[in-house]
Amino acid sequence: MGIWVGVIAESIFDWAQRTPEKTAVIDNDRPWSYRSFAEHIAIARGYFMKRGYDGPGYAVIATYNRAKFITDTLDSILGQSFRDFEIIVVDDGSTDNTREVLEPYASRIQYIHQHNRGPSAARNLGVRRAQGSWISIQDSDDLCAPNHLSTLYGFAQKHGDFGMVFGNGAYLTGPEHHRNTIIPAAKSRRLAQQAVRIQDLFDKSIVRLQAALISKHAYEVVGGHDESLRICMDLDLSFRLLMKFPVAYLDQVVFLYRKHEGNSGRNEELRLTENIRVIEALVRDFSNVTSMLGQRQIAQRLAYRYYRLAKGRWKRRQTSTAREALRQAVTLSPANLKYRLYQLGWALA
């Protein structure tokens, strides 16, 4: 019965798309009674077709003002060698022509619009709408390698108890930092030969969710993304998944990172303050983290973040908050001579 209703909904949807109000989208901020006829049909189509969809996964793309890049991202996902998945695009209140450039993809994606609430909230909304058991969270400016889903889902099929499996990434425009891949080759091989530990993620932020496949069950258990985070949400979610579920790494490049002026991580002040918050939350919420990592390692990483924060503020002539951040670094790592010398120099400045 569900298949027949799905076919009818699909036919009505195709007709609705040919009417003047042809953009079949779901506007998450508009009350049901104010949605267009085509939007009603889009919702019905999504409901009935997803009831009949028994595939394993969904690709969720949160986007904000990425009209210039998002079609490349979609084309790379649609070009996957593995085909049994569906795509949800959550537009986080874009003010550019994102909606227009997505119109040619209307029959192949679910498009949801919301007022700007940040990437974490957009991702959470997309995952809530997804019905599959595995989720691929993609940024709207990077590219999936053709083997992305086939590689990651090949592992997930055999390891349903894992919370996440992730791979490596390469740089779209060529080598960066004197290497071809985001995770250096030697470290990538080592990670693939052993279980991923909290030490691996804590030592350096190696997880990019564009390179991951996440169990929807695990995502829901840990509470999804922290919606107050705008840059360090990948690290935060990875920490929480790893503390509750096994996590695996595969030594294969599964996505291409696009470096451009609009990358959110270029806001160093926000990136560092969020990184500090994420580490503090990890230590606060998981009592065994201190024994696993050691108090000294935790303090040193926090101290280095405060030191970097202080340097950036001093450069921007925010001297008072720079001194405060440096004081935090010295308190956490009192034996660090470099921090002490900077503190002395700034006191005399």
C-alpha atoms as a PDB file:
ATOM      1  CA  MET A   1       0.000   0.000   0.000  1.00  0.00           C
ATOM      2  CA  GLY A   2       2.849   2.386   0.946  1.00  0.00           C
ATOM      3  CA  ILE A   3       4.518   1.866  -2.459  1.00  0.00           C
ATOM      4  CA  TRP A   4       1.312   2.714  -4.347  1.00  0.00           C
ATOM      5  CA  VAL A   5       0.687   5.806  -2.263  1.00  0.00           C
ATOM      6  CA  GLY A   6       4.320   6.765  -2.832  1.00  0.00           C
ATOM      7  CA  VAL A   7       3.875   6.448  -6.591  1.00  0.00           C
ATOM      8  CA  ILE A   8       0.714   8.603  -6.464  1.00  0.00           C
ATOM      9  CA  ALA A   9       2.514  11.202  -4.340  1.00  0.00           C
ATOM     10  CA  GLU A  10       5.393  11.171  -6.814  1.00  0.00           C
ATOM     11  CA  SER A  11       3.041  11.749  -9.747  1.00  0.00           C
ATOM     12  CA  ILE A  12       1.236  14.609  -7.992  1.00  0.00           C
ATOM     13  CA  PHE A  13       4.599  16.046  -7.016  1.00  0.00           C
ATOM     14  CA  ASP A  14       5.762  16.034 -10.647  1.00  0.00           C
ATOM     15  CA  TRP A  15       2.533  17.819 -11.627  1.00  0.00           C
ATOM     16  CA  ALA A  16       2.953  20.329  -8.807  1.00  0.00           C
ATOM     17  CA  GLN A  17       6.458  21.125 -10.004  1.00  0.00           C
ATOM     18  CA  ARG A  18       5.045  22.147 -13.383  1.00  0.00           C
ATOM     19  CA  THR A  19       2.708  24.709 -11.777  1.00  0.00           C
ATOM     20  CA  PRO A  20       3.833  28.370 -11.378  1.00  0.00           C
ATOM     21  CA  GLU A  21       4.854  27.614  -7.797  1.00  0.00           C
ATOM     22  CA  LYS A  22       7.242  24.954  -8.928  1.00  0.00           C
ATOM     23  CA  THR A  23       9.966  24.949  -6.300  1.00  0.00           C
ATOM     24  CA  ALA A  24       9.190  21.915  -4.172  1.00  0.00           C
ATOM     25  CA  VAL A  25      10.896  22.678  -0.882  1.00  0.00           C
ATOM     26  CA  ILE A  26      10.168  22.538   2.802  1.00  0.00           C
ATOM     27  CA  ASP A  27      10.506  25.830   4.647  1.00  0.00           C
ATOM     28  CA  ASN A  28      11.041  24.755   8.238  1.00  0.00           C
ATOM     29  CA  ASP A  29      10.256  28.227   9.585  1.00  0.00           C
ATOM     30  CA  ARG A  30       6.857  28.643   7.925  1.00  0.00           C
ATOM     31  CA  PRO A  31       3.661  27.339   9.527  1.00  0.00           C
ATOM     32  CA  TRP A  32       1.989  24.439   7.740  1.00  0.00           C
ATOM     33  CA  SER A  33      -1.024  26.528   6.745  1.00  0.00           C
ATOM     34  CA  TYR A  34       1.182  29.056   4.914  1.00  0.00           C
ATOM     35  CA  ARG A  35       3.123  26.583   2.813  1.00  0.00           C
ATOM     36  CA  SER A  36       2.551  26.391  -0.914  1.00  0.00           C
ATOM     37  CA  PHE A  37       0.690  23.510  -2.528  1.00  0.00           C
ATOM     38  CA  ALA A  38       3.959  22.239  -3.974  1.00  0.00           C
ATOM     39  CA  GLU A  39       5.502  22.284  -0.484  1.00  0.00           C
ATOM     40  CA  HIS A  40       2.626  20.205   0.889  1.00  0.00           C
ATOM     41  CA  ILE A  41       3.192  17.690  -1.871  1.00  0.00           C
ATOM     42  CA  ALA A  42       6.939  17.707  -1.256  1.00  0.00           C
ATOM     43  CA  ILE A  43       6.363  16.852   2.387  1.00  0.00           C
ATOM     44  CA  ALA A  44       3.900  14.092   1.480  1.00  0.00           C
ATOM     45  CA  ARG A  45       6.270  12.765  -1.135  1.00  0.00           C
ATOM     46  CA  GLY A  46       9.127  12.718   1.346  1.00  0.00           C
ATOM     47  CA  TYR A  47       7.002  10.938   3.934  1.00  0.00           C
ATOM     48  CA  PHE A  48       5.651   8.225   1.686  1.00  0.00           C
ATOM     49  CA  MET A  49       8.788   7.658  -0.326  1.00  0.00           C
ATOM     50  CA  LYS A  50      10.919   7.450   2.795  1.00  0.00           C
ATOM     51  CA  ARG A  51       8.528   4.901   4.242  1.00  0.00           C
ATOM     52  CA  GLY A  52       9.304   2.785   1.212  1.00  0.00           C
ATOM     53  CA  TYR A  53      13.041   3.576   1.340  1.00  0.00           C
ATOM     54  CA  ASP A  54      14.921   0.822   3.141  1.00  0.00           C
ATOM     55  CA  GLY A  55      18.415   1.901   2.108  1.00  0.00           C
ATOM     56  CA  PRO A  56      21.208   2.333   4.638  1.00  0.00           C
ATOM     57  CA  GLY A  57      22.095   5.985   4.589  1.00  0.00           C
ATOM     58  CA  TYR A  58      21.577   9.679   4.129  1.00  0.00           C
ATOM     59  CA  ALA A  59      23.959  12.452   3.169  1.00  0.00           C
ATOM     60  CA  VAL A  60      23.153  15.568   5.200  1.00  0.00           C
ATOM     61  CA  ILE A  61      24.500  18.895   3.935  1.00  0.00           C
ATOM     62  CA  ALA A  62      24.174  22.045   6.030  1.00  0.00           C
ATOM     63  CA  THR A  63      24.773  25.159   3.951  1.00  0.00           C
ATOM     64  CA  TYR A  64      24.936  28.912   4.411  1.00  0.00           C
ATOM     65  CA  ASN A  65      25.739  31.245   1.513  1.00  0.00           C
ATOM     66  CA  ARG A  66      27.616  28.583  -0.442  1.00  0.00           C
ATOM     67  CA  ALA A  67      25.799  28.963  -3.772  1.00  0.00           C
ATOM     68  CA  LYS A  68      29.211  29.221  -5.442  1.00  0.00           C
ATOM     69  CA  PHE A  69      30.291  25.764  -4.264  1.00  0.00           C
ATOM     70  CA  ILE A  70      27.289  23.644  -3.306  1.00  0.00           C
ATOM     71  CA  THR A  71      26.506  22.293  -6.780  1.00  0.00           C
ATOM     72  CA  ASP A  72      30.047  20.878  -6.992  1.00  0.00           C
ATOM     73  CA  THR A  73      29.456  19.188  -3.643  1.00  0.00           C
ATOM     74  CA  LEU A  74      26.129  17.732  -4.774  1.00  0.00           C
ATOM     75  CA  ASP A  75      27.568  16.509  -8.080  1.00  0.00           C
ATOM     76  CA  SER A  76      30.338  14.716  -6.200  1.00  0.00           C
ATOM     77  CA  ILE A  77      27.797  12.981  -3.946  1.00  0.00           C
ATOM     78  CA  LEU A  78      25.505  12.066  -6.819  1.00  0.00           C
ATOM     79  CA  GLY A  79      28.537  10.635  -8.617  1.00  0.00           C
ATOM     80  CA  GLN A  80      29.198   8.035  -5.923  1.00  0.00           C
ATOM     81  CA  SER A  81      29.891   4.449  -6.979  1.00  0.00           C
ATOM     82  CA  PHE A  82      27.571   3.435  -4.114  1.00  0.00           C
ATOM     83  CA  ARG A  83      24.031   4.549  -4.961  1.00  0.00           C
ATOM     84  CA  ASP A  84      21.761   3.435  -2.112  1.00  0.00           C
ATOM     85  CA  PHE A  85      21.419   6.715  -0.222  1.00  0.00           C
ATOM     86  CA  GLU A  86      19.383   9.917  -0.167  1.00  0.00           C
ATOM     87  CA  ILE A  87      20.403  13.561   0.238  1.00  0.00           C
ATOM     88  CA  ILE A  88      19.035  16.201   2.617  1.00  0.00           C
ATOM     89  CA  VAL A  89      20.161  19.812   2.193  1.00  0.00           C
ATOM     90  CA  VAL A  90      19.445  22.156   5.100  1.00  0.00           C
ATOM     91  CA  ASP A  91      19.743  25.803   4.092  1.00  0.00           C
ATOM     92  CA  ASP A  92      20.620  27.709   7.256  1.00  0.00           C
ATOM     93  CA  GLY A  93      19.032  30.991   6.166  1.00  0.00           C
ATOM     94  CA  SER A  94      21.254  31.767   3.163  1.00  0.00           C
ATOM     95  CA  THR A  95      21.028  35.287   1.787  1.00  0.00           C
ATOM     96  CA  ASP A  96      22.626  34.473  -1.571  1.00  0.00           C
ATOM     97  CA  ASN A  97      21.026  32.506  -4.435  1.00  0.00           C
ATOM     98  CA  THR A  98      21.455  29.070  -2.848  1.00  0.00           C
ATOM     99  CA  ARG A  99      17.772  28.179  -3.297  1.00  0.00           C
ATOM    100  CA  GLU A 100      17.894  29.034  -7.010  1.00  0.00           C
ATOM    101  CA  VAL A 101      21.035  27.038  -7.802  1.00  0.00           C
ATOM    102  CA  LEU A 102      19.490  24.005  -6.094  1.00  0.00           C
ATOM    103  CA  GLU A 103      16.290  24.039  -8.167  1.00  0.00           C
ATOM    104  CA  PRO A 104      17.692  21.689 -10.865  1.00  0.00           C
ATOM    105  CA  TYR A 105      18.323  19.114  -8.091  1.00  0.00           C
ATOM    106  CA  ALA A 106      14.775  19.255  -6.679  1.00  0.00           C
ATOM    107  CA  SER A 107      13.864  15.715  -7.745  1.00  0.00           C
ATOM    108  CA  ARG A 108      17.035  14.260  -6.209  1.00  0.00           C
ATOM    109  CA  ILE A 109      17.274  16.006  -2.842  1.00  0.00           C
ATOM    110  CA  GLN A 110      15.169  17.015   0.127  1.00  0.00           C
ATOM    111  CA  TYR A 111      15.631  20.763   0.594  1.00  0.00           C
ATOM    112  CA  ILE A 112      14.820  22.279   3.998  1.00  0.00           C
ATOM    113  CA  HIS A 113      15.077  25.983   4.838  1.00  0.00           C
ATOM    114  CA  GLN A 114      15.401  27.452   8.325  1.00  0.00           C
ATOM    115  CA  HIS A 115      16.300  30.812   9.832  1.00  0.00           C
ATOM    116  CA  ASN A 116      20.018  31.117  10.497  1.00  0.00           C
ATOM    117  CA  ARG A 117      20.791  29.108  13.636  1.00  0.00           C
ATOM    118  CA  GLY A 118      24.298  27.902  12.828  1.00  0.00           C
ATOM    119  CA  PRO A 119      25.751  24.750  11.226  1.00  0.00           C
ATOM    120  CA  SER A 120      25.237  22.509  14.259  1.00  0.00           C
ATOM    121  CA  ALA A 121      21.499  23.239  14.421  1.00  0.00           C
ATOM    122  CA  ALA A 122      21.201  22.735  10.653  1.00  0.00           C
ATOM    123  CA  ARG A 123      22.956  19.370  10.859  1.00  0.00           C
ATOM    124  CA  ASN A 124      20.774  18.247  13.752  1.00  0.00           C
ATOM    125  CA  LEU A 125      17.650  19.115  11.786  1.00  0.00           C
ATOM    126  CA  GLY A 126      18.897  17.170   8.769  1.00  0.00           C
ATOM    127  CA  VAL A 127      19.717  14.105  10.847  1.00  0.00           C
ATOM    128  CA  ARG A 128      16.292  14.209  12.520  1.00  0.00           C
ATOM    129  CA  ARG A 129      14.678  14.088   9.067  1.00  0.00           C
ATOM    130  CA  ALA A 130      16.884  11.201   7.923  1.00  0.00           C
ATOM    131  CA  GLN A 131      15.471   7.687   8.126  1.00  0.00           C
ATOM    132  CA  GLY A 132      18.565   5.626   7.321  1.00  0.00           C
ATOM    133  CA  SER A 133      20.759   3.891   9.873  1.00  0.00           C
ATOM    134  CA  TRP A 134      23.977   5.648   8.780  1.00  0.00           C
ATOM    135  CA  ILE A 135      24.586   9.357   8.233  1.00  0.00           C
ATOM    136  CA  SER A 136      27.186  11.092   6.090  1.00  0.00           C
ATOM    137  CA  ILE A 137      27.522  14.741   7.138  1.00  0.00           C
ATOM    138  CA  GLN A 138      28.988  16.867   4.361  1.00  0.00           C
ATOM    139  CA  ASP A 139      30.104  20.473   4.177  1.00  0.00           C
ATOM    140  CA  SER A 140      28.713  22.440   1.254  1.00  0.00           C
ATOM    141  CA  ASP A 141      32.086  23.524  -0.136  1.00  0.00           C
ATOM    142  CA  ASP A 142      34.079  20.269  -0.180  1.00  0.00           C
ATOM    143  CA  LEU A 143      33.915  17.262  -2.516  1.00  0.00           C
ATOM    144  CA  CYS A 144      33.298  13.572  -1.880  1.00  0.00           C
ATOM    145  CA  ALA A 145      35.681  11.151  -3.563  1.00  0.00           C
ATOM    146  CA  PRO A 146      33.804   8.624  -5.770  1.00  0.00           C
ATOM    147  CA  ASN A 147      34.634   5.847  -3.280  1.00  0.00           C
ATOM    148  CA  HIS A 148      33.444   7.777  -0.205  1.00  0.00           C
ATOM    149  CA  LEU A 149      30.244   5.891   0.631  1.00  0.00           C
ATOM    150  CA  SER A 150      31.280   2.509  -0.781  1.00  0.00           C
ATOM    151  CA  THR A 151      34.447   2.519   1.347  1.00  0.00           C
ATOM    152  CA  LEU A 152      32.857   3.671   4.593  1.00  0.00           C
ATOM    153  CA  TYR A 153      29.606   1.733   4.279  1.00  0.00           C
ATOM    154  CA  GLY A 154      31.561  -1.394   3.350  1.00  0.00           C
ATOM    155  CA  PHE A 155      33.036  -1.249   6.848  1.00  0.00           C
ATOM    156  CA  ALA A 156      29.792  -0.201   8.546  1.00  0.00           C
ATOM    157  CA  GLN A 157      27.916  -3.189   7.099  1.00  0.00           C
ATOM    158  CA  LYS A 158      30.227  -5.547   8.976  1.00  0.00           C
ATOM    159  CA  HIS A 159      30.535  -3.496  12.175  1.00  0.00           C
ATOM    160  CA  GLY A 160      27.071  -2.311  13.151  1.00  0.00           C
ATOM    161  CA  ASP A 161      28.136  -1.730  16.755  1.00  0.00           C
ATOM    162  CA  PHE A 162      30.566   1.028  15.806  1.00  0.00           C
ATOM    163  CA  GLY A 163      29.581   4.637  16.344  1.00  0.00           C
ATOM    164  CA  MET A 164      31.639   6.059  13.502  1.00  0.00           C
ATOM    165  CA  VAL A 165      34.100   5.127  10.787  1.00  0.00           C
ATOM    166  CA  PHE A 166      36.188   7.800   9.081  1.00  0.00           C
ATOM    167  CA  GLY A 167      38.945   8.124   6.511  1.00  0.00           C
ATOM    168  CA  ASN A 168      41.480  10.634   5.277  1.00  0.00           C
ATOM    169  CA  GLY A 169      41.089  13.709   3.125  1.00  0.00           C
ATOM    170  CA  ALA A 170      43.213  15.384   0.469  1.00  0.00           C
ATOM    171  CA  TYR A 171      43.494  19.024  -0.551  1.00  0.00           C
ATOM    172  CA  LEU A 172      41.516  19.979  -3.627  1.00  0.00           C
ATOM    173  CA  THR A 173      44.138  22.402  -4.958  1.00  0.00           C
ATOM    174  CA  GLY A 174      47.221  20.305  -4.221  1.00  0.00           C
ATOM    175  CA  PRO A 175      49.561  19.715  -1.267  1.00  0.00           C
ATOM    176  CA  GLU A 176      49.320  21.881   1.837  1.00  0.00           C
ATOM    177  CA  HIS A 177      51.774  22.006   4.736  1.00  0.00           C
ATOM    178  CA  HIS A 178      54.205  19.914   2.631  1.00  0.00           C
ATOM    179  CA  ARG A 179      51.849  16.939   2.473  1.00  0.00           C
ATOM    180  CA  ASN A 180      49.179  15.566   0.161  1.00  0.00           C
ATOM    181  CA  THR A 181      46.689  14.442   2.797  1.00  0.00           C
ATOM    182  CA  ILE A 182      45.117  16.051   5.862  1.00  0.00           C
ATOM    183  CA  ILE A 183      46.335  13.240   8.114  1.00  0.00           C
ATOM    184  CA  PRO A 184      50.020  12.570   7.362  1.00  0.00           C
ATOM    185  CA  ALA A 185      50.667   9.247   5.585  1.00  0.00           C
ATOM    186  CA  ALA A 186      52.599   7.571   8.422  1.00  0.00           C
ATOM    187  CA  LYS A 187      49.989   8.504  11.016  1.00  0.00           C
ATOM    188  CA  SER A 188      47.197   7.403   8.672  1.00  0.00           C
ATOM    189  CA  ARG A 189      48.735   3.926   8.333  1.00  0.00           C
ATOM    190  CA  ARG A 190      49.200   3.635  12.084  1.00  0.00           C
ATOM    191  CA  LEU A 191      45.617   4.692  12.871  1.00  0.00           C
ATOM    192  CA  ALA A 192      44.256   2.092  10.441  1.00  0.00           C
ATOM    193  CA  GLN A 193      46.176  -0.689  12.155  1.00  0.00           C
ATOM    194  CA  GLN A 194      44.737  -0.093  15.610  1.00  0.00           C
ATOM    195  CA  ALA A 195      41.539   0.983  17.285  1.00  0.00           C
ATOM    196  CA  VAL A 196      41.111   4.754  17.429  1.00  0.00           C
ATOM    197  CA  ARG A 197      41.795   6.008  20.961  1.00  0.00           C
ATOM    198  CA  ILE A 198      40.882   9.214  22.730  1.00  0.00           C
ATOM    199  CA  GLN A 199      44.612  10.039  22.720  1.00  0.00           C
ATOM    200  CA  ASP A 200      44.588  10.080  18.899  1.00  0.00           C
ATOM    201  CA  LEU A 201      41.827  12.666  18.743  1.00  0.00           C
ATOM    202  CA  PHE A 202      43.139  14.686  21.673  1.00  0.00           C
ATOM    203  CA  ASP A 203      46.682  14.921  20.355  1.00  0.00           C
ATOM    204  CA  LYS A 204      45.488  16.657  17.197  1.00  0.00           C
ATOM    205  CA  SER A 205      42.020  17.242  15.746  1.00  0.00           C
ATOM    206  CA  ILE A 206      42.166  14.593  13.011  1.00  0.00           C
ATOM    207  CA  VAL A 207      38.458  13.894  12.391  1.00  0.00           C
ATOM    208  CA  ARG A 208      36.695  15.700   9.576  1.00  0.00           C
ATOM    209  CA  LEU A 209      33.055  14.687   9.450  1.00  0.00           C
ATOM    210  CA  GLN A 210      33.175  15.042   5.654  1.00  0.00           C
ATOM    211  CA  ALA A 211      35.339  11.911   5.828  1.00  0.00           C
ATOM    212  CA  ALA A 212      33.041  10.009   8.195  1.00  0.00           C
ATOM    213  CA  LEU A 213      30.001   7.780   8.321  1.00  0.00           C
ATOM    214  CA  ILE A 214      28.118   7.978  11.619  1.00  0.00           C
ATOM    215  CA  SER A 215      25.613   5.566  13.100  1.00  0.00           C
ATOM    216  CA  LYS A 216      22.348   7.437  13.523  1.00  0.00           C
ATOM    217  CA  HIS A 217      21.705   5.461  16.718  1.00  0.00           C
ATOM    218  CA  ALA A 218      25.051   6.599  18.141  1.00  0.00           C
ATOM    219  CA  TYR A 219      24.408  10.188  17.028  1.00  0.00           C
ATOM    220  CA  GLU A 220      21.118  10.203  18.912  1.00  0.00           C
ATOM    221  CA  VAL A 221      22.592   8.537  22.012  1.00  0.00           C
ATOM    222  CA  VAL A 222      25.235  11.248  22.438  1.00  0.00           C
ATOM    223  CA  GLY A 223      22.695  14.001  21.749  1.00  0.00           C
ATOM    224  CA  GLY A 224      23.867  15.121  18.304  1.00  0.00           C
ATOM    225  CA  HIS A 225      25.728  18.365  17.747  1.00  0.00           C
ATOM    226  CA  ASP A 226      26.113  21.007  20.428  1.00  0.00           C
ATOM    227  CA  GLU A 227      24.179  23.827  18.749  1.00  0.00           C
ATOM    228  CA  SER A 228      26.164  26.519  20.528  1.00  0.00           C
ATOM    229  CA  LEU A 229      29.290  25.547  18.539  1.00  0.00           C
ATOM    230  CA  ARG A 230      29.978  26.967  15.078  1.00  0.00           C
ATOM    231  CA  ILE A 231      33.516  25.743  14.338  1.00  0.00           C
ATOM    232  CA  CYS A 232      34.618  22.959  16.704  1.00  0.00           C
ATOM    233  CA  MET A 233      31.464  20.827  16.419  1.00  0.00           C
ATOM    234  CA  ASP A 234      33.316  18.033  14.586  1.00  0.00           C
ATOM    235  CA  LEU A 235      35.831  17.649  17.415  1.00  0.00           C
ATOM    236  CA  ASP A 236      33.159  17.835  20.105  1.00  0.00           C
ATOM    237  CA  LEU A 237      30.917  15.213  18.483  1.00  0.00           C
ATOM    238  CA  SER A 238      33.905  12.944  17.778  1.00  0.00           C
ATOM    239  CA  PHE A 239      34.986  13.071  21.420  1.00  0.00           C
ATOM    240  CA  ARG A 240      31.520  12.120  22.641  1.00  0.00           C
ATOM    241  CA  LEU A 241      31.106   9.323  20.087  1.00  0.00           C
ATOM    242  CA  LEU A 242      34.501   7.859  20.940  1.00  0.00           C
ATOM    243  CA  MET A 243      33.789   7.887  24.670  1.00  0.00           C
ATOM    244  CA  LYS A 244      30.635   5.800  24.173  1.00  0.00           C
ATOM    245  CA  PHE A 245      31.198   3.712  21.018  1.00  0.00           C
ATOM    246  CA  PRO A 246      34.009   2.039  19.081  1.00  0.00           C
ATOM    247  CA  VAL A 247      35.366   4.251  16.297  1.00  0.00           C
ATOM    248  CA  ALA A 248      37.366   2.998  13.301  1.00  0.00           C
ATOM    249  CA  TYR A 249      39.709   4.636  10.819  1.00  0.00           C
ATOM    250  CA  LEU A 250      40.387   3.546   7.228  1.00  0.00           C
ATOM    251  CA  ASP A 251      43.591   4.505   5.443  1.00  0.00           C
ATOM    252  CA  GLN A 252      41.872   5.857   2.339  1.00  0.00           C
ATOM    253  CA  VAL A 253      41.187   9.335   0.986  1.00  0.00           C
ATOM    254  CA  VAL A 254      37.410   9.788   0.844  1.00  0.00           C
ATOM    255  CA  PHE A 255      36.966  13.561   0.448  1.00  0.00           C
ATOM    256  CA  LEU A 256      38.686  16.644  -0.961  1.00  0.00           C
ATOM    257  CA  TYR A 257      39.011  19.756   1.186  1.00  0.00           C
ATOM    258  CA  ARG A 258      38.494  23.108  -0.520  1.00  0.00           C
ATOM    259  CA  LYS A 259      40.520  25.901   1.046  1.00  0.00           C
ATOM    260  CA  HIS A 260      39.074  29.389   0.510  1.00  0.00           C
ATOM    261  CA  GLU A 261      38.629  32.717   2.270  1.00  0.00           C
ATOM    262  CA  GLY A 262      35.174  31.766   3.540  1.00  0.00           C
ATOM    263  CA  ASN A 263      36.307  28.719   5.566  1.00  0.00           C
ATOM    264  CA  SER A 264      34.772  29.041   9.015  1.00  0.00           C
ATOM    265  CA  GLY A 265      37.944  27.818  10.722  1.00  0.00           C
ATOM    266  CA  ARG A 266      39.780  30.983   9.686  1.00  0.00           C
ATOM    267  CA  ASN A 267      38.149  32.816  12.620  1.00  0.00           C
ATOM    268  CA  GLU A 268      40.999  31.977  14.984  1.00  0.00           C
ATOM    269  CA  GLU A 269      39.519  33.673  18.065  1.00  0.00           C
ATOM    270  CA  LEU A 270      36.305  31.651  17.827  1.00  0.00           C
ATOM    271  CA  ARG A 271      38.113  28.443  16.894  1.00  0.00           C
ATOM    272  CA  LEU A 272      40.413  28.645  19.913  1.00  0.00           C
ATOM    273  CA  THR A 273      37.730  29.645  22.439  1.00  0.00           C
ATOM    274  CA  GLU A 274      35.473  26.832  21.202  1.00  0.00           C
ATOM    275  CA  ASN A 275      38.364  24.372  21.318  1.00  0.00           C
ATOM    276  CA  ILE A 276      38.947  25.272  24.961  1.00  0.00           C
ATOM    277  CA  ARG A 277      35.230  24.828  25.713  1.00  0.00           C
ATOM    278  CA  VAL A 278      35.169  21.427  24.019  1.00  0.00           C
ATOM    279  CA  ILE A 279      38.160  20.154  26.000  1.00  0.00           C
ATOM    280  CA  GLU A 280      36.731  21.452  29.270  1.00  0.00           C
ATOM    281  CA  ALA A 281      33.385  19.768  28.480  1.00  0.00           C
ATOM    282  CA  LEU A 282      35.131  16.468  27.697  1.00  0.00           C
ATOM    283  CA  VAL A 283      36.911  16.495  31.055  1.00  0.00           C
ATOM    284  CA  ARG A 284      33.755  17.586  32.904  1.00  0.00           C
ATOM    285  CA  ASP A 285      31.362  15.095  31.303  1.00  0.00           C
ATOM    286  CA  PHE A 286      33.557  11.983  31.278  1.00  0.00           C
ATOM    287  CA  SER A 287      35.173  11.261  34.631  1.00  0.00           C
ATOM    288  CA  ASN A 288      37.618   8.697  33.197  1.00  0.00           C
ATOM    289  CA  VAL A 289      39.193  11.073  30.666  1.00  0.00           C
ATOM    290  CA  THR A 290      41.742  12.458  33.126  1.00  0.00           C
ATOM    291  CA  SER A 291      43.067   8.992  33.937  1.00  0.00           C
ATOM    292  CA  MET A 292      43.125   8.061  30.232  1.00  0.00           C
ATOM    293  CA  LEU A 293      44.986  11.168  29.078  1.00  0.00           C
ATOM    294  CA  GLY A 294      46.754  12.375  32.201  1.00  0.00           C
ATOM    295  CA  GLN A 295      46.277  15.720  33.900  1.00  0.00           C
ATOM    296  CA  ARG A 296      49.522  17.075  32.467  1.00  0.00           C
ATOM    297  CA  GLN A 297      48.574  16.422  28.839  1.00  0.00           C
ATOM    298  CA  ILE A 298      45.166  18.037  29.316  1.00  0.00           C
ATOM    299  CA  ALA A 299      46.709  21.086  31.010  1.00  0.00           C
ATOM    300  CA  GLN A 300      49.368  21.459  28.306  1.00  0.00           C
ATOM    301  CA  ARG A 301      46.847  21.383  25.484  1.00  0.00           C
ATOM    302  CA  LEU A 302      44.609  23.924  27.200  1.00  0.00           C
ATOM    303  CA  ALA A 303      47.613  26.116  28.015  1.00  0.00           C
ATOM    304  CA  TYR A 304      48.758  26.130  24.400  1.00  0.00           C
ATOM    305  CA  ARG A 305      45.267  27.183  23.245  1.00  0.00           C
ATOM    306  CA  TYR A 306      45.266  30.036  25.751  1.00  0.00           C
ATOM    307  CA  TYR A 307      48.757  31.054  24.599  1.00  0.00           C
ATOM    308  CA  ARG A 308      47.637  31.150  20.930  1.00  0.00           C
ATOM    309  CA  LEU A 309      44.553  33.084  21.982  1.00  0.00           C
ATOM    310  CA  ALA A 310      46.744  35.576  23.846  1.00  0.00           C
ATOM    311  CA  LYS A 311      49.088  36.065  20.870  1.00  0.00           C
ATOM    312  CA  GLY A 312      46.182  36.782  18.514  1.00  0.00           C
ATOM    313  CA  ARG A 313      44.610  39.276  20.898  1.00  0.00           C
ATOM    314  CA  TRP A 314      47.902  41.052  21.479  1.00  0.00           C
ATOM    315  CA  LYS A 315      48.389  41.384  17.732  1.00  0.00           C
ATOM    316  CA  ARG A 316      44.926  42.953  17.502  1.00  0.00           C
ATOM    317  CA  ARG A 317      45.880  45.340  20.344  1.00  0.00           C
ATOM    318  CA  GLN A 318      43.418  43.758  22.765  1.00  0.00           C
ATOM    319  CA  THR A 319      46.032  43.970  25.473  1.00  0.00           C
ATOM    320  CA  SER A 320      43.865  43.429  28.535  1.00  0.00           C
ATOM    321  CA  THR A 321      42.210  40.222  27.302  1.00  0.00           C
ATOM    322  CA  ALA A 322      45.556  39.078  25.853  1.00  0.00           C
ATOM    323  CA  ARG A 323      47.207  39.320  29.287  1.00  0.00           C
ATOM    324  CA  GLU A 324      44.282  37.428  30.846  1.00  0.00           C
ATOM    325  CA  ALA A 325      44.557  34.591  28.314  1.00  0.00           C
ATOM    326  CA  LEU A 326      48.316  34.392  28.892  1.00  0.00           C
ATOM    327  CA  ARG A 327      47.739  34.299  32.651  1.00  0.00           C
ATOM    328  CA  GLN A 328      45.518  31.246  32.091  1.00  0.00           C
ATOM    329  CA  ALA A 329      48.283  29.610  30.034  1.00  0.00           C
ATOM    330  CA  VAL A 330      50.864  30.205  32.776  1.00  0.00           C
ATOM    331  CA  THR A 331      48.497  28.904  35.462  1.00  0.00           C
ATOM    332  CA  LEU A 332      47.924  25.680  33.513  1.00  0.00           C
ATOM    333  CA  SER A 333      51.592  25.218  32.538  1.00  0.00           C
ATOM    334  CA  PRO A 334      53.703  27.116  35.104  1.00  0.00           C
ATOM    335  CA  ALA A 335      56.982  25.461  34.046  1.00  0.00           C
ATOM    336  CA  ASN A 336      56.709  26.708  30.468  1.00  0.00           C
ATOM    337  CA  LEU A 337      59.496  29.272  30.125  1.00  0.00           C
ATOM    338  CA  LYS A 338      58.150  30.757  26.877  1.00  0.00           C
ATOM    339  CA  TYR A 339      54.816  31.646  28.473  1.00  0.00           C
ATOM    340  CA  ARG A 340      56.609  33.194  31.443  1.00  0.00           C
ATOM    341  CA  LEU A 341      58.840  35.336  29.222  1.00  0.00           C
ATOM    342  CA  TYR A 342      55.873  36.619  27.234  1.00  0.00           C
ATOM    343  CA  GLN A 343      54.068  37.430  30.479  1.00  0.00           C
ATOM    344  CA  LEU A 344      57.076  39.394  31.716  1.00  0.00           C
ATOM    345  CA  GLY A 345      57.510  41.240  28.435  1.00  0.00           C
ATOM    346  CA  TRP A 346      53.834  42.199  28.225  1.00  0.00           C
ATOM    347  CA  ALA A 347      53.843  43.372  31.856  1.00  0.00           C
ATOM    348  CA  LEU A 348      56.615  45.812  30.964  1.00  0.00           C
ATOM    349  CA  ALA A 349      55.030  46.928  27.682  1.00  0.00           C
END
